[in-house]
Amino acid sequence: MRLIMEAGNVWWCSIDKEWSSYLELKYRKVIAQGWRGLGSLSFLCDGYEDIWQNNKGDFCKIIQYLGKGYYGSDWWDENAGDWVRHGRDKNAPTVMYNLLGVRQGDLVVATEGQSVKGICQIQKNGWESYRYDGDFGFEYAQTIGGSVEWMDWDTNLFGPPPPRPAMVLGIRRIRKNTIPTIEAWNQLVLDD
């Protein structure tokens, strides 16, 4: 069910075409990020709202520990060579923290490179709807949303996409210029 959004969070979800695609996430009906090797983060979801929501530092240390265990000790050292193409990304802890922090009613805009591909509204908090899909072979294994309904960004329906913020890695909440995205979403809801 799509709801009118008066105010709230807008997130940009960057999808690396080497590892996944907007069409894959749309088909799977999820909001997702990579780092399958971290394994399931469900043990962090139980206390997210009470513990981790206000303790980002310790949450990120746990993700870093998991990453080093799977990817190796140089995973966080961007000077260790071709780290980006091998999935080694020092931003993974923050991306996982942000992913679990998406809240019911928030809007998520999916991008591939510089192209806006689609938009959805999350129906359940990220930490409550988290699911690990690594056992199914998906690199974008860290998922939230349960069963989101992605809507392709149709310029005839939405108008031109809002300007993409510079440098979105993973999933990031946008703090400025959210009005065009909210207005486009509300128009979709009214037209539905």
N, C-alpha and C. Protein backbone atom coordinates (compact mmCIF):
# COMPACT_ATOMS: atom_id res chain seq x y z
N MET A 1 0.83 -1.17 0.00
CA MET A 1 0.00 0.00 0.00
C MET A 1 0.89 1.24 0.00
N ARG A 2 0.64 2.14 -0.92
CA ARG A 2 1.40 3.38 -1.01
C ARG A 2 0.70 4.47 -0.22
N LEU A 3 1.48 5.24 0.52
CA LEU A 3 0.93 6.29 1.36
C LEU A 3 1.46 7.64 0.93
N ILE A 4 0.62 8.67 1.05
CA ILE A 4 1.07 10.04 0.84
C ILE A 4 2.15 10.33 1.88
N MET A 5 3.18 11.02 1.45
CA MET A 5 4.26 11.36 2.36
C MET A 5 4.28 12.87 2.56
N GLU A 6 4.05 13.31 3.79
CA GLU A 6 4.07 14.74 4.10
C GLU A 6 5.51 15.20 4.30
N ALA A 7 6.22 14.48 5.08
CA ALA A 7 7.63 14.75 5.35
C ALA A 7 8.23 13.43 5.79
N GLY A 8 9.49 13.31 5.67
CA GLY A 8 10.13 12.07 6.08
C GLY A 8 11.46 11.93 5.40
N ASN A 9 12.00 10.75 5.47
CA ASN A 9 13.33 10.51 4.94
C ASN A 9 13.28 10.04 3.50
N VAL A 10 14.22 10.53 2.73
CA VAL A 10 14.45 10.05 1.37
C VAL A 10 15.86 9.49 1.34
N TRP A 11 15.98 8.28 0.85
CA TRP A 11 17.26 7.59 0.77
C TRP A 11 17.60 7.34 -0.70
N TRP A 12 18.88 7.42 -1.02
CA TRP A 12 19.35 7.04 -2.35
C TRP A 12 20.10 5.73 -2.19
N CYS A 13 19.73 4.76 -3.00
CA CYS A 13 20.32 3.43 -2.97
C CYS A 13 21.11 3.24 -4.26
N SER A 14 22.41 3.25 -4.14
CA SER A 14 23.29 3.11 -5.29
C SER A 14 23.54 1.62 -5.55
N ILE A 15 23.32 1.20 -6.78
CA ILE A 15 23.49 -0.20 -7.16
C ILE A 15 24.68 -0.32 -8.10
N ASP A 16 25.65 -1.12 -7.73
CA ASP A 16 26.83 -1.36 -8.56
C ASP A 16 26.47 -2.41 -9.61
N LYS A 17 26.45 -2.00 -10.88
CA LYS A 17 26.01 -2.90 -11.96
C LYS A 17 26.91 -4.12 -12.12
N GLU A 18 28.10 -4.07 -11.57
CA GLU A 18 28.98 -5.24 -11.64
C GLU A 18 28.46 -6.38 -10.75
N TRP A 19 27.70 -6.03 -9.69
CA TRP A 19 27.27 -7.02 -8.72
C TRP A 19 25.77 -7.26 -8.68
N SER A 20 24.99 -6.31 -9.17
CA SER A 20 23.54 -6.44 -9.12
C SER A 20 22.93 -5.48 -10.13
N SER A 21 21.63 -5.30 -10.07
CA SER A 21 20.96 -4.34 -10.96
C SER A 21 19.63 -3.93 -10.33
N TYR A 22 19.12 -2.82 -10.81
CA TYR A 22 17.80 -2.38 -10.36
C TYR A 22 16.76 -3.44 -10.68
N LEU A 23 16.84 -4.02 -11.87
CA LEU A 23 15.85 -5.03 -12.25
C LEU A 23 15.89 -6.24 -11.32
N GLU A 24 17.08 -6.61 -10.87
CA GLU A 24 17.18 -7.73 -9.92
C GLU A 24 16.48 -7.38 -8.60
N LEU A 25 16.75 -6.20 -8.07
CA LEU A 25 16.13 -5.80 -6.81
C LEU A 25 14.62 -5.67 -6.97
N LYS A 26 14.19 -5.17 -8.11
CA LYS A 26 12.75 -5.04 -8.38
C LYS A 26 12.11 -6.43 -8.42
N TYR A 27 12.74 -7.36 -9.10
CA TYR A 27 12.22 -8.72 -9.20
C TYR A 27 12.17 -9.39 -7.82
N ARG A 28 13.22 -9.18 -7.02
CA ARG A 28 13.29 -9.77 -5.68
C ARG A 28 12.41 -9.04 -4.66
N LYS A 29 11.94 -7.84 -5.03
CA LYS A 29 11.08 -7.00 -4.16
C LYS A 29 11.78 -6.63 -2.86
N VAL A 30 13.03 -6.18 -2.99
CA VAL A 30 13.82 -5.82 -1.82
C VAL A 30 14.58 -4.52 -2.07
N ILE A 31 15.03 -3.94 -0.99
CA ILE A 31 16.06 -2.91 -1.00
C ILE A 31 17.30 -3.66 -0.52
N ALA A 32 18.40 -3.58 -1.25
CA ALA A 32 19.53 -4.43 -0.90
C ALA A 32 20.86 -3.74 -1.12
N GLN A 33 21.86 -4.25 -0.42
CA GLN A 33 23.24 -3.87 -0.61
C GLN A 33 24.08 -5.15 -0.59
N GLY A 34 25.33 -5.01 -0.95
CA GLY A 34 26.20 -6.17 -1.15
C GLY A 34 26.85 -6.70 0.11
N TRP A 35 28.09 -7.12 -0.06
CA TRP A 35 28.89 -7.69 1.02
C TRP A 35 28.28 -8.97 1.57
N ARG A 36 28.03 -9.89 0.65
CA ARG A 36 27.50 -11.20 1.02
C ARG A 36 28.39 -11.88 2.06
N GLY A 37 29.69 -11.67 1.96
CA GLY A 37 30.64 -12.32 2.87
C GLY A 37 30.50 -11.92 4.33
N LEU A 38 29.78 -10.85 4.61
CA LEU A 38 29.55 -10.48 6.01
C LEU A 38 28.66 -11.49 6.71
N GLY A 39 27.90 -12.26 5.93
CA GLY A 39 26.94 -13.20 6.50
C GLY A 39 25.70 -12.47 7.00
N SER A 40 24.87 -13.20 7.69
CA SER A 40 23.62 -12.63 8.19
C SER A 40 23.90 -11.64 9.32
N LEU A 41 23.22 -10.52 9.26
CA LEU A 41 23.32 -9.49 10.30
C LEU A 41 22.10 -9.50 11.21
N SER A 42 21.33 -10.56 11.15
CA SER A 42 20.08 -10.61 11.92
C SER A 42 20.32 -10.45 13.42
N PHE A 43 21.49 -10.89 13.90
CA PHE A 43 21.77 -10.75 15.33
C PHE A 43 21.89 -9.28 15.74
N LEU A 44 22.15 -8.39 14.79
CA LEU A 44 22.21 -6.96 15.09
C LEU A 44 20.84 -6.29 15.02
N CYS A 45 19.90 -6.94 14.39
CA CYS A 45 18.57 -6.33 14.20
C CYS A 45 17.75 -6.31 15.48
N ASP A 46 17.90 -7.34 16.30
CA ASP A 46 17.09 -7.44 17.52
C ASP A 46 17.25 -6.22 18.41
N GLY A 47 18.44 -5.69 18.51
CA GLY A 47 18.66 -4.54 19.38
C GLY A 47 18.86 -3.23 18.66
N TYR A 48 18.54 -3.20 17.37
CA TYR A 48 18.86 -1.99 16.60
C TYR A 48 18.22 -0.75 17.19
N GLU A 49 16.93 -0.79 17.42
CA GLU A 49 16.23 0.42 17.88
C GLU A 49 16.68 0.83 19.28
N ASP A 50 16.92 -0.13 20.15
CA ASP A 50 17.28 0.18 21.53
C ASP A 50 18.78 0.43 21.73
N ILE A 51 19.61 -0.30 21.00
CA ILE A 51 21.05 -0.25 21.24
C ILE A 51 21.80 0.48 20.13
N TRP A 52 21.66 -0.01 18.91
CA TRP A 52 22.53 0.44 17.83
C TRP A 52 22.14 1.79 17.24
N GLN A 53 20.87 2.11 17.27
CA GLN A 53 20.42 3.36 16.66
C GLN A 53 21.20 4.56 17.19
N ASN A 54 21.59 4.51 18.44
CA ASN A 54 22.35 5.60 19.05
C ASN A 54 23.79 5.21 19.36
N ASN A 55 24.27 4.15 18.72
CA ASN A 55 25.62 3.67 18.99
C ASN A 55 26.26 3.20 17.68
N LYS A 56 26.33 4.10 16.73
CA LYS A 56 26.84 3.77 15.40
C LYS A 56 28.28 3.26 15.46
N GLY A 57 29.10 3.84 16.33
CA GLY A 57 30.50 3.45 16.39
C GLY A 57 30.71 1.97 16.67
N ASP A 58 30.04 1.45 17.68
CA ASP A 58 30.19 0.03 18.02
C ASP A 58 29.56 -0.86 16.96
N PHE A 59 28.43 -0.44 16.39
CA PHE A 59 27.81 -1.20 15.30
C PHE A 59 28.82 -1.35 14.15
N CYS A 60 29.45 -0.23 13.77
CA CYS A 60 30.39 -0.26 12.66
C CYS A 60 31.62 -1.11 12.96
N LYS A 61 32.05 -1.13 14.21
CA LYS A 61 33.18 -1.99 14.60
C LYS A 61 32.84 -3.47 14.40
N ILE A 62 31.62 -3.84 14.71
CA ILE A 62 31.20 -5.23 14.51
C ILE A 62 31.22 -5.58 13.03
N ILE A 63 30.70 -4.69 12.19
CA ILE A 63 30.71 -4.93 10.74
C ILE A 63 32.15 -5.02 10.24
N GLN A 64 33.01 -4.15 10.74
CA GLN A 64 34.42 -4.18 10.34
C GLN A 64 35.05 -5.52 10.73
N TYR A 65 34.77 -6.00 11.91
CA TYR A 65 35.29 -7.28 12.37
C TYR A 65 34.81 -8.42 11.46
N LEU A 66 33.52 -8.42 11.13
CA LEU A 66 32.98 -9.44 10.22
C LEU A 66 33.65 -9.36 8.85
N GLY A 67 33.84 -8.15 8.37
CA GLY A 67 34.48 -7.96 7.06
C GLY A 67 35.91 -8.46 7.03
N LYS A 68 36.65 -8.16 8.06
CA LYS A 68 38.03 -8.64 8.13
C LYS A 68 38.08 -10.15 8.19
N GLY A 69 37.12 -10.75 8.89
CA GLY A 69 37.08 -12.20 9.01
C GLY A 69 36.86 -12.89 7.68
N TYR A 70 36.10 -12.29 6.80
CA TYR A 70 35.80 -12.92 5.52
C TYR A 70 36.72 -12.43 4.41
N TYR A 71 36.89 -11.12 4.32
CA TYR A 71 37.61 -10.53 3.19
C TYR A 71 39.11 -10.37 3.44
N GLY A 72 39.54 -10.49 4.68
CA GLY A 72 40.96 -10.34 5.00
C GLY A 72 41.25 -9.02 5.68
N SER A 73 42.42 -8.95 6.29
CA SER A 73 42.75 -7.78 7.10
C SER A 73 42.96 -6.51 6.29
N ASP A 74 43.25 -6.64 5.00
CA ASP A 74 43.46 -5.43 4.20
C ASP A 74 42.16 -4.88 3.60
N TRP A 75 41.05 -5.47 3.97
CA TRP A 75 39.76 -5.06 3.40
C TRP A 75 39.49 -3.58 3.59
N TRP A 76 39.94 -3.01 4.72
CA TRP A 76 39.62 -1.62 5.05
C TRP A 76 40.70 -0.65 4.63
N ASP A 77 41.78 -1.18 4.08
CA ASP A 77 42.90 -0.32 3.71
C ASP A 77 42.80 0.00 2.23
N GLU A 78 42.36 1.21 1.92
CA GLU A 78 42.18 1.55 0.51
C GLU A 78 43.49 1.65 -0.24
N ASN A 79 44.61 1.63 0.45
CA ASN A 79 45.91 1.65 -0.21
C ASN A 79 46.41 0.24 -0.51
N ALA A 80 45.57 -0.76 -0.27
CA ALA A 80 46.00 -2.16 -0.44
C ALA A 80 45.82 -2.66 -1.86
N GLY A 81 45.68 -1.77 -2.81
CA GLY A 81 45.55 -2.20 -4.19
C GLY A 81 44.17 -1.93 -4.74
N ASP A 82 43.71 -2.84 -5.55
CA ASP A 82 42.46 -2.66 -6.28
C ASP A 82 41.28 -3.02 -5.39
N TRP A 83 41.09 -2.28 -4.32
CA TRP A 83 40.13 -2.64 -3.27
C TRP A 83 38.69 -2.45 -3.69
N VAL A 84 38.38 -1.48 -4.48
CA VAL A 84 36.97 -1.22 -4.84
C VAL A 84 36.43 -2.36 -5.70
N ARG A 85 37.16 -2.79 -6.70
CA ARG A 85 36.65 -3.81 -7.61
C ARG A 85 36.53 -5.17 -6.95
N HIS A 86 37.17 -5.36 -5.84
CA HIS A 86 37.07 -6.64 -5.15
C HIS A 86 36.07 -6.61 -4.00
N GLY A 87 35.25 -5.58 -3.95
CA GLY A 87 34.23 -5.51 -2.92
C GLY A 87 34.76 -5.05 -1.57
N ARG A 88 36.01 -4.66 -1.53
CA ARG A 88 36.57 -4.15 -0.28
C ARG A 88 36.23 -2.67 -0.20
N ASP A 89 35.47 -2.31 0.76
CA ASP A 89 35.03 -0.93 0.81
C ASP A 89 34.97 -0.47 2.24
N LYS A 90 35.75 0.54 2.54
CA LYS A 90 35.78 1.06 3.91
C LYS A 90 34.45 1.65 4.33
N ASN A 91 33.52 1.85 3.40
CA ASN A 91 32.21 2.40 3.73
C ASN A 91 31.18 1.34 4.11
N ALA A 92 31.52 0.08 4.02
CA ALA A 92 30.56 -1.00 4.30
C ALA A 92 29.90 -0.87 5.67
N PRO A 93 30.62 -0.56 6.75
CA PRO A 93 29.94 -0.45 8.04
C PRO A 93 28.85 0.62 8.05
N THR A 94 29.14 1.78 7.48
CA THR A 94 28.14 2.85 7.44
C THR A 94 26.98 2.47 6.54
N VAL A 95 27.27 1.82 5.43
CA VAL A 95 26.20 1.39 4.52
C VAL A 95 25.26 0.41 5.23
N MET A 96 25.82 -0.55 5.96
CA MET A 96 24.98 -1.52 6.68
C MET A 96 24.17 -0.82 7.78
N TYR A 97 24.79 0.12 8.46
CA TYR A 97 24.10 0.89 9.50
C TYR A 97 22.92 1.65 8.88
N ASN A 98 23.16 2.31 7.76
CA ASN A 98 22.10 3.06 7.08
C ASN A 98 20.99 2.14 6.59
N LEU A 99 21.37 1.00 6.02
CA LEU A 99 20.37 0.07 5.49
C LEU A 99 19.39 -0.36 6.58
N LEU A 100 19.91 -0.74 7.71
CA LEU A 100 19.03 -1.19 8.80
C LEU A 100 18.24 -0.03 9.40
N GLY A 101 18.71 1.20 9.20
CA GLY A 101 18.06 2.37 9.77
C GLY A 101 16.93 2.97 8.95
N VAL A 102 16.66 2.42 7.76
CA VAL A 102 15.55 2.93 6.96
C VAL A 102 14.25 2.61 7.71
N ARG A 103 13.37 3.60 7.77
CA ARG A 103 12.15 3.47 8.58
C ARG A 103 10.90 3.33 7.73
N GLN A 104 9.91 2.72 8.33
CA GLN A 104 8.60 2.56 7.68
C GLN A 104 8.12 3.91 7.15
N GLY A 105 7.70 3.92 5.89
CA GLY A 105 7.21 5.13 5.26
C GLY A 105 8.26 5.91 4.49
N ASP A 106 9.55 5.63 4.75
CA ASP A 106 10.62 6.32 4.02
C ASP A 106 10.58 5.96 2.55
N LEU A 107 11.07 6.87 1.72
CA LEU A 107 11.19 6.63 0.29
C LEU A 107 12.63 6.25 -0.04
N VAL A 108 12.79 5.33 -0.98
CA VAL A 108 14.11 4.91 -1.44
C VAL A 108 14.14 5.05 -2.95
N VAL A 109 15.14 5.78 -3.45
CA VAL A 109 15.34 5.97 -4.88
C VAL A 109 16.53 5.12 -5.30
N ALA A 110 16.33 4.26 -6.29
CA ALA A 110 17.40 3.37 -6.76
C ALA A 110 18.12 4.02 -7.94
N THR A 111 19.45 3.94 -7.90
CA THR A 111 20.25 4.45 -9.00
C THR A 111 21.25 3.39 -9.46
N GLU A 112 21.54 3.42 -10.74
CA GLU A 112 22.66 2.66 -11.31
C GLU A 112 23.56 3.70 -11.95
N GLY A 113 24.75 3.84 -11.44
CA GLY A 113 25.61 4.91 -11.92
C GLY A 113 24.94 6.25 -11.67
N GLN A 114 24.83 7.06 -12.70
CA GLN A 114 24.19 8.37 -12.58
C GLN A 114 22.71 8.34 -12.92
N SER A 115 22.18 7.18 -13.28
CA SER A 115 20.79 7.08 -13.73
C SER A 115 19.85 6.70 -12.60
N VAL A 116 18.78 7.48 -12.45
CA VAL A 116 17.72 7.14 -11.51
C VAL A 116 16.85 6.08 -12.18
N LYS A 117 16.65 4.95 -11.51
CA LYS A 117 15.92 3.83 -12.11
C LYS A 117 14.53 3.63 -11.53
N GLY A 118 14.36 3.83 -10.21
CA GLY A 118 13.06 3.55 -9.62
C GLY A 118 12.94 4.13 -8.22
N ILE A 119 11.74 3.98 -7.68
CA ILE A 119 11.43 4.50 -6.35
C ILE A 119 10.49 3.53 -5.64
N CYS A 120 10.62 3.44 -4.33
CA CYS A 120 9.69 2.62 -3.54
C CYS A 120 9.52 3.25 -2.17
N GLN A 121 8.52 2.78 -1.46
CA GLN A 121 8.29 3.21 -0.09
C GLN A 121 8.36 1.97 0.79
N ILE A 122 9.15 2.04 1.83
CA ILE A 122 9.32 0.87 2.69
C ILE A 122 8.13 0.75 3.63
N GLN A 123 7.65 -0.47 3.78
CA GLN A 123 6.45 -0.74 4.58
C GLN A 123 6.76 -1.14 6.01
N LYS A 124 8.01 -1.50 6.27
CA LYS A 124 8.40 -1.98 7.60
C LYS A 124 9.83 -1.51 7.87
N ASN A 125 10.12 -1.14 9.10
CA ASN A 125 11.46 -0.66 9.45
C ASN A 125 12.53 -1.64 8.97
N GLY A 126 13.68 -1.10 8.58
CA GLY A 126 14.76 -1.93 8.07
C GLY A 126 15.19 -3.02 9.03
N TRP A 127 15.36 -2.68 10.29
CA TRP A 127 15.81 -3.68 11.27
C TRP A 127 14.75 -4.74 11.53
N GLU A 128 13.49 -4.45 11.24
CA GLU A 128 12.42 -5.43 11.44
C GLU A 128 12.19 -6.30 10.20
N SER A 129 12.58 -5.80 9.04
CA SER A 129 12.32 -6.54 7.80
C SER A 129 13.59 -7.13 7.20
N TYR A 130 14.70 -7.06 7.91
CA TYR A 130 15.99 -7.54 7.39
C TYR A 130 15.93 -9.02 7.04
N ARG A 131 16.60 -9.35 5.93
CA ARG A 131 16.73 -10.75 5.52
C ARG A 131 18.07 -10.89 4.79
N TYR A 132 18.76 -11.98 5.06
CA TYR A 132 20.02 -12.29 4.39
C TYR A 132 19.75 -13.25 3.24
N ASP A 133 20.12 -12.83 2.03
CA ASP A 133 19.88 -13.65 0.84
C ASP A 133 21.16 -14.23 0.25
N GLY A 134 22.24 -14.25 1.01
CA GLY A 134 23.50 -14.77 0.50
C GLY A 134 23.46 -16.25 0.18
N ASP A 135 22.62 -16.99 0.87
CA ASP A 135 22.52 -18.43 0.62
C ASP A 135 21.89 -18.74 -0.73
N PHE A 136 21.29 -17.74 -1.36
CA PHE A 136 20.70 -17.92 -2.68
C PHE A 136 21.63 -17.45 -3.79
N GLY A 137 22.85 -17.08 -3.44
CA GLY A 137 23.85 -16.69 -4.42
C GLY A 137 23.84 -15.22 -4.81
N PHE A 138 23.03 -14.42 -4.19
CA PHE A 138 22.99 -13.00 -4.52
C PHE A 138 24.14 -12.28 -3.83
N GLU A 139 24.89 -11.48 -4.59
CA GLU A 139 25.93 -10.66 -3.97
C GLU A 139 25.29 -9.54 -3.16
N TYR A 140 24.19 -8.98 -3.65
CA TYR A 140 23.45 -7.98 -2.88
C TYR A 140 22.55 -8.75 -1.91
N ALA A 141 23.19 -9.28 -0.88
CA ALA A 141 22.55 -10.25 0.02
C ALA A 141 21.92 -9.62 1.25
N GLN A 142 22.34 -8.42 1.59
CA GLN A 142 21.82 -7.74 2.78
C GLN A 142 20.55 -6.99 2.36
N THR A 143 19.39 -7.48 2.74
CA THR A 143 18.13 -6.93 2.22
C THR A 143 17.21 -6.45 3.35
N ILE A 144 16.38 -5.48 2.99
CA ILE A 144 15.32 -5.01 3.87
C ILE A 144 14.06 -4.79 3.03
N GLY A 145 12.98 -4.56 3.71
CA GLY A 145 11.75 -4.15 3.03
C GLY A 145 10.70 -5.21 2.94
N GLY A 146 11.10 -6.46 3.07
CA GLY A 146 10.11 -7.53 2.96
C GLY A 146 9.64 -7.72 1.54
N SER A 147 8.67 -6.97 1.15
CA SER A 147 8.11 -7.09 -0.20
C SER A 147 7.78 -5.69 -0.71
N VAL A 148 8.82 -4.97 -1.13
CA VAL A 148 8.59 -3.61 -1.62
C VAL A 148 8.14 -3.63 -3.07
N GLU A 149 7.41 -2.63 -3.44
CA GLU A 149 6.94 -2.49 -4.81
C GLU A 149 7.71 -1.35 -5.47
N TRP A 150 8.74 -1.74 -6.22
CA TRP A 150 9.52 -0.73 -6.94
C TRP A 150 8.70 -0.21 -8.12
N MET A 151 8.74 1.10 -8.30
CA MET A 151 8.11 1.74 -9.45
C MET A 151 9.21 2.32 -10.31
N ASP A 152 9.23 1.94 -11.59
CA ASP A 152 10.23 2.51 -12.49
C ASP A 152 10.06 4.02 -12.53
N TRP A 153 11.18 4.73 -12.64
CA TRP A 153 11.11 6.19 -12.74
C TRP A 153 10.69 6.54 -14.16
N ASP A 154 9.46 6.90 -14.31
CA ASP A 154 8.88 7.26 -15.61
C ASP A 154 8.79 8.77 -15.68
N THR A 155 9.56 9.38 -16.59
CA THR A 155 9.56 10.84 -16.67
C THR A 155 8.20 11.39 -17.08
N ASN A 156 7.39 10.61 -17.79
CA ASN A 156 6.04 11.07 -18.12
C ASN A 156 5.16 11.15 -16.88
N LEU A 157 5.42 10.29 -15.92
CA LEU A 157 4.63 10.25 -14.69
C LEU A 157 5.22 11.16 -13.61
N PHE A 158 6.53 11.04 -13.41
CA PHE A 158 7.20 11.75 -12.32
C PHE A 158 7.82 13.08 -12.73
N GLY A 159 8.06 13.26 -14.03
CA GLY A 159 8.87 14.39 -14.46
C GLY A 159 10.33 13.98 -14.40
N PRO A 160 11.21 14.93 -14.66
CA PRO A 160 12.64 14.57 -14.62
C PRO A 160 13.05 14.15 -13.21
N PRO A 161 13.99 13.23 -13.12
CA PRO A 161 14.42 12.79 -11.79
C PRO A 161 15.07 13.94 -11.03
N PRO A 162 14.97 13.90 -9.71
CA PRO A 162 15.64 14.93 -8.91
C PRO A 162 17.14 14.81 -9.09
N PRO A 163 17.84 15.89 -8.85
CA PRO A 163 19.29 15.82 -9.00
C PRO A 163 19.88 14.81 -8.02
N ARG A 164 20.74 13.98 -8.55
CA ARG A 164 21.39 12.96 -7.73
C ARG A 164 22.47 13.63 -6.90
N PRO A 165 22.50 13.36 -5.60
CA PRO A 165 23.56 13.95 -4.79
C PRO A 165 24.92 13.41 -5.20
N ALA A 166 25.92 14.20 -5.00
CA ALA A 166 27.27 13.75 -5.34
C ALA A 166 27.68 12.60 -4.43
N MET A 167 28.35 11.65 -5.01
CA MET A 167 29.01 10.58 -4.27
C MET A 167 28.10 9.81 -3.31
N VAL A 168 27.17 9.07 -3.84
CA VAL A 168 26.37 8.16 -3.01
C VAL A 168 26.99 6.78 -3.13
N LEU A 169 27.48 6.27 -2.02
CA LEU A 169 28.01 4.91 -1.97
C LEU A 169 27.07 4.10 -1.10
N GLY A 170 26.52 3.03 -1.66
CA GLY A 170 25.61 2.20 -0.87
C GLY A 170 24.26 2.85 -0.74
N ILE A 171 23.83 3.06 0.48
CA ILE A 171 22.55 3.71 0.74
C ILE A 171 22.80 4.87 1.69
N ARG A 172 22.24 6.01 1.32
CA ARG A 172 22.50 7.23 2.10
C ARG A 172 21.25 8.07 2.19
N ARG A 173 20.99 8.57 3.38
CA ARG A 173 19.85 9.47 3.57
C ARG A 173 20.21 10.84 3.03
N ILE A 174 19.26 11.41 2.31
CA ILE A 174 19.46 12.73 1.73
C ILE A 174 18.81 13.76 2.65
N ARG A 175 19.55 14.77 2.98
CA ARG A 175 19.06 15.77 3.91
C ARG A 175 18.59 17.05 3.22
N LYS A 176 19.04 17.27 2.00
CA LYS A 176 18.67 18.48 1.26
C LYS A 176 17.94 18.09 -0.01
N ASN A 177 17.12 18.99 -0.49
CA ASN A 177 16.47 18.84 -1.79
C ASN A 177 15.62 17.57 -1.89
N THR A 178 14.89 17.24 -0.83
CA THR A 178 14.04 16.05 -0.86
C THR A 178 12.64 16.34 -1.39
N ILE A 179 12.28 17.61 -1.46
CA ILE A 179 10.92 17.99 -1.87
C ILE A 179 10.55 17.44 -3.25
N PRO A 180 11.41 17.55 -4.29
CA PRO A 180 11.01 17.01 -5.60
C PRO A 180 10.70 15.51 -5.57
N THR A 181 11.45 14.76 -4.79
CA THR A 181 11.22 13.32 -4.70
C THR A 181 9.90 13.04 -3.98
N ILE A 182 9.65 13.74 -2.89
CA ILE A 182 8.40 13.56 -2.14
C ILE A 182 7.21 13.96 -3.00
N GLU A 183 7.32 15.07 -3.73
CA GLU A 183 6.22 15.51 -4.60
C GLU A 183 5.95 14.49 -5.70
N ALA A 184 7.02 13.94 -6.29
CA ALA A 184 6.84 12.93 -7.34
C ALA A 184 6.14 11.69 -6.78
N TRP A 185 6.54 11.27 -5.59
CA TRP A 185 5.91 10.11 -4.96
C TRP A 185 4.43 10.38 -4.70
N ASN A 186 4.14 11.53 -4.14
CA ASN A 186 2.75 11.86 -3.82
C ASN A 186 1.89 11.92 -5.08
N GLN A 187 2.46 12.39 -6.17
CA GLN A 187 1.72 12.41 -7.44
C GLN A 187 1.40 10.98 -7.88
N LEU A 188 2.35 10.09 -7.72
CA LEU A 188 2.12 8.68 -8.05
C LEU A 188 0.98 8.11 -7.22
N VAL A 189 0.99 8.39 -5.93
CA VAL A 189 -0.06 7.87 -5.03
C VAL A 189 -1.42 8.42 -5.43
N LEU A 190 -1.48 9.71 -5.74
CA LEU A 190 -2.76 10.32 -6.13
C LEU A 190 -3.27 9.78 -7.46
N ASP A 191 -2.35 9.49 -8.38
CA ASP A 191 -2.74 8.99 -9.71
C ASP A 191 -3.13 7.52 -9.68
N ASP A 192 -2.76 6.83 -8.62
CA ASP A 192 -2.98 5.38 -8.55
C ASP A 192 -4.43 5.01 -8.30
